[in-house]
Amino acid sequence: MVIGLPPELETLVQSQVENGNYESAIDVLFAGMNLLVQQQEAVGDEVSQAKLRQEVLIGWEASQRGEVVDGPTAMNQILEDLRSRYAAGQPIVC
């Protein structure tokens, strides 16, 4: 595969090699791709953390309204719901 770079990027790559920062042009490109992957992973982590914070806030607000139950009660409710669905012939999706 041959990749054509715009002249300004080609100059940047060549200067990185000439300055001794990298041994070859491909090393410069690999470093750039690694940074891109890290950036995308960081953005993904930020989105995941934002979703988690939102879910925690939803749970906190529900608890403030008295809409939560303890673990054993929740498990009993889940099991009863599954039994009812099974008895009614509804599919049980996990």
C-alpha atoms as a PDB file:
ATOM      1  CA  MET A   1       0.000   0.000   0.000  1.00  0.00           C
ATOM      2  CA  VAL A   2       1.287   3.406  -0.894  1.00  0.00           C
ATOM      3  CA  ILE A   3       0.089   6.396   1.071  1.00  0.00           C
ATOM      4  CA  GLY A   4       0.430   9.847  -0.416  1.00  0.00           C
ATOM      5  CA  LEU A   5       0.882  12.573   2.155  1.00  0.00           C
ATOM      6  CA  PRO A   6       0.215  16.243   1.617  1.00  0.00           C
ATOM      7  CA  PRO A   7       3.508  18.169   1.316  1.00  0.00           C
ATOM      8  CA  GLU A   8       3.202  19.754   4.777  1.00  0.00           C
ATOM      9  CA  LEU A   9       2.803  16.333   6.431  1.00  0.00           C
ATOM     10  CA  GLU A  10       5.609  14.876   4.375  1.00  0.00           C
ATOM     11  CA  THR A  11       7.845  17.733   5.563  1.00  0.00           C
ATOM     12  CA  LEU A  12       6.801  17.124   9.177  1.00  0.00           C
ATOM     13  CA  VAL A  13       7.525  13.394   8.919  1.00  0.00           C
ATOM     14  CA  GLN A  14      10.885  13.997   7.283  1.00  0.00           C
ATOM     15  CA  SER A  15      11.891  16.578   9.909  1.00  0.00           C
ATOM     16  CA  GLN A  16      11.063  14.109  12.704  1.00  0.00           C
ATOM     17  CA  VAL A  17      13.381  11.549  11.099  1.00  0.00           C
ATOM     18  CA  GLU A  18      16.128  14.101  10.373  1.00  0.00           C
ATOM     19  CA  ASN A  19      16.005  15.430  13.945  1.00  0.00           C
ATOM     20  CA  GLY A  20      16.575  11.907  15.222  1.00  0.00           C
ATOM     21  CA  ASN A  21      13.200  11.618  16.933  1.00  0.00           C
ATOM     22  CA  TYR A  22      12.378   8.543  14.831  1.00  0.00           C
ATOM     23  CA  GLU A  23      14.426   6.112  12.764  1.00  0.00           C
ATOM     24  CA  SER A  24      12.107   6.093   9.761  1.00  0.00           C
ATOM     25  CA  ALA A  25       9.010   7.647   8.258  1.00  0.00           C
ATOM     26  CA  ILE A  26       7.000   4.548   9.116  1.00  0.00           C
ATOM     27  CA  ASP A  27       7.989   4.956  12.786  1.00  0.00           C
ATOM     28  CA  VAL A  28       6.611   8.510  12.694  1.00  0.00           C
ATOM     29  CA  LEU A  29       3.348   7.271  11.176  1.00  0.00           C
ATOM     30  CA  PHE A  30       3.067   4.434  13.713  1.00  0.00           C
ATOM     31  CA  ALA A  31       3.580   6.918  16.545  1.00  0.00           C
ATOM     32  CA  GLY A  32       0.851   9.136  15.111  1.00  0.00           C
ATOM     33  CA  MET A  33      -1.540   6.202  14.784  1.00  0.00           C
ATOM     34  CA  ASN A  34      -0.805   5.111  18.354  1.00  0.00           C
ATOM     35  CA  LEU A  35      -1.649   8.604  19.582  1.00  0.00           C
ATOM     36  CA  LEU A  36      -4.889   8.510  17.603  1.00  0.00           C
ATOM     37  CA  VAL A  37      -5.854   5.180  19.183  1.00  0.00           C
ATOM     38  CA  GLN A  38      -5.018   6.497  22.664  1.00  0.00           C
ATOM     39  CA  GLN A  39      -7.092   9.616  22.030  1.00  0.00           C
ATOM     40  CA  GLN A  40     -10.071   7.562  20.863  1.00  0.00           C
ATOM     41  CA  GLU A  41      -9.792   5.284  23.895  1.00  0.00           C
ATOM     42  CA  ALA A  42      -9.636   8.314  26.192  1.00  0.00           C
ATOM     43  CA  VAL A  43     -12.770   9.757  24.594  1.00  0.00           C
ATOM     44  CA  GLY A  44     -14.473   6.370  24.988  1.00  0.00           C
ATOM     45  CA  ASP A  45     -13.459   6.282  28.656  1.00  0.00           C
ATOM     46  CA  GLU A  46     -14.834   9.800  29.171  1.00  0.00           C
ATOM     47  CA  VAL A  47     -18.142   8.787  27.591  1.00  0.00           C
ATOM     48  CA  SER A  48     -18.285   5.661  29.769  1.00  0.00           C
ATOM     49  CA  GLN A  49     -17.559   7.700  32.884  1.00  0.00           C
ATOM     50  CA  ALA A  50     -20.216  10.251  31.928  1.00  0.00           C
ATOM     51  CA  LYS A  51     -22.765   7.457  31.449  1.00  0.00           C
ATOM     52  CA  LEU A  52     -21.794   5.944  34.790  1.00  0.00           C
ATOM     53  CA  ARG A  53     -22.172   9.313  36.540  1.00  0.00           C
ATOM     54  CA  GLN A  54     -25.611   9.707  34.946  1.00  0.00           C
ATOM     55  CA  GLU A  55     -26.678   6.221  36.075  1.00  0.00           C
ATOM     56  CA  VAL A  56     -25.440   6.923  39.612  1.00  0.00           C
ATOM     57  CA  LEU A  57     -27.394  10.187  39.641  1.00  0.00           C
ATOM     58  CA  ILE A  58     -30.544   8.392  38.476  1.00  0.00           C
ATOM     59  CA  GLY A  59     -30.100   5.828  41.260  1.00  0.00           C
ATOM     60  CA  TRP A  60     -29.457   8.517  43.852  1.00  0.00           C
ATOM     61  CA  GLU A  61     -32.550  10.458  42.825  1.00  0.00           C
ATOM     62  CA  ALA A  62     -34.645   7.265  42.923  1.00  0.00           C
ATOM     63  CA  SER A  63     -33.369   6.511  46.415  1.00  0.00           C
ATOM     64  CA  GLN A  64     -34.259  10.022  47.536  1.00  0.00           C
ATOM     65  CA  ARG A  65     -37.816   9.395  46.303  1.00  0.00           C
ATOM     66  CA  GLY A  66     -37.938   6.081  48.181  1.00  0.00           C
ATOM     67  CA  GLU A  67     -38.086   4.038  44.968  1.00  0.00           C
ATOM     68  CA  VAL A  68     -35.322   1.561  45.806  1.00  0.00           C
ATOM     69  CA  VAL A  69     -35.387  -1.712  47.706  1.00  0.00           C
ATOM     70  CA  ASP A  70     -32.717  -3.770  49.440  1.00  0.00           C
ATOM     71  CA  GLY A  71     -30.828  -6.558  47.649  1.00  0.00           C
ATOM     72  CA  PRO A  72     -32.829  -9.567  48.892  1.00  0.00           C
ATOM     73  CA  THR A  73     -36.134  -7.839  48.098  1.00  0.00           C
ATOM     74  CA  ALA A  74     -34.883  -6.934  44.616  1.00  0.00           C
ATOM     75  CA  MET A  75     -33.784 -10.528  43.957  1.00  0.00           C
ATOM     76  CA  ASN A  76     -37.156 -11.859  45.111  1.00  0.00           C
ATOM     77  CA  GLN A  77     -38.925  -9.406  42.791  1.00  0.00           C
ATOM     78  CA  ILE A  78     -36.715 -10.450  39.868  1.00  0.00           C
ATOM     79  CA  LEU A  79     -37.283 -14.164  40.538  1.00  0.00           C
ATOM     80  CA  GLU A  80     -41.040 -13.653  40.824  1.00  0.00           C
ATOM     81  CA  ASP A  81     -41.064 -11.736  37.551  1.00  0.00           C
ATOM     82  CA  LEU A  82     -39.112 -14.540  35.837  1.00  0.00           C
ATOM     83  CA  ARG A  83     -41.466 -17.189  37.244  1.00  0.00           C
ATOM     84  CA  SER A  84     -44.499 -15.235  36.032  1.00  0.00           C
ATOM     85  CA  ARG A  85     -43.027 -14.850  32.549  1.00  0.00           C
ATOM     86  CA  TYR A  86     -42.101 -18.535  32.409  1.00  0.00           C
ATOM     87  CA  ALA A  87     -45.606 -19.553  33.529  1.00  0.00           C
ATOM     88  CA  ALA A  88     -47.139 -17.282  30.892  1.00  0.00           C
ATOM     89  CA  GLY A  89     -44.911 -18.750  28.181  1.00  0.00           C
ATOM     90  CA  GLN A  90     -43.137 -15.437  27.581  1.00  0.00           C
ATOM     91  CA  PRO A  91     -39.535 -15.530  26.434  1.00  0.00           C
ATOM     92  CA  ILE A  92     -36.978 -14.872  29.139  1.00  0.00           C
ATOM     93  CA  VAL A  93     -34.141 -12.758  27.842  1.00  0.00           C
ATOM     94  CA  CYS A  94     -30.989 -12.364  29.897  1.00  0.00           C
END
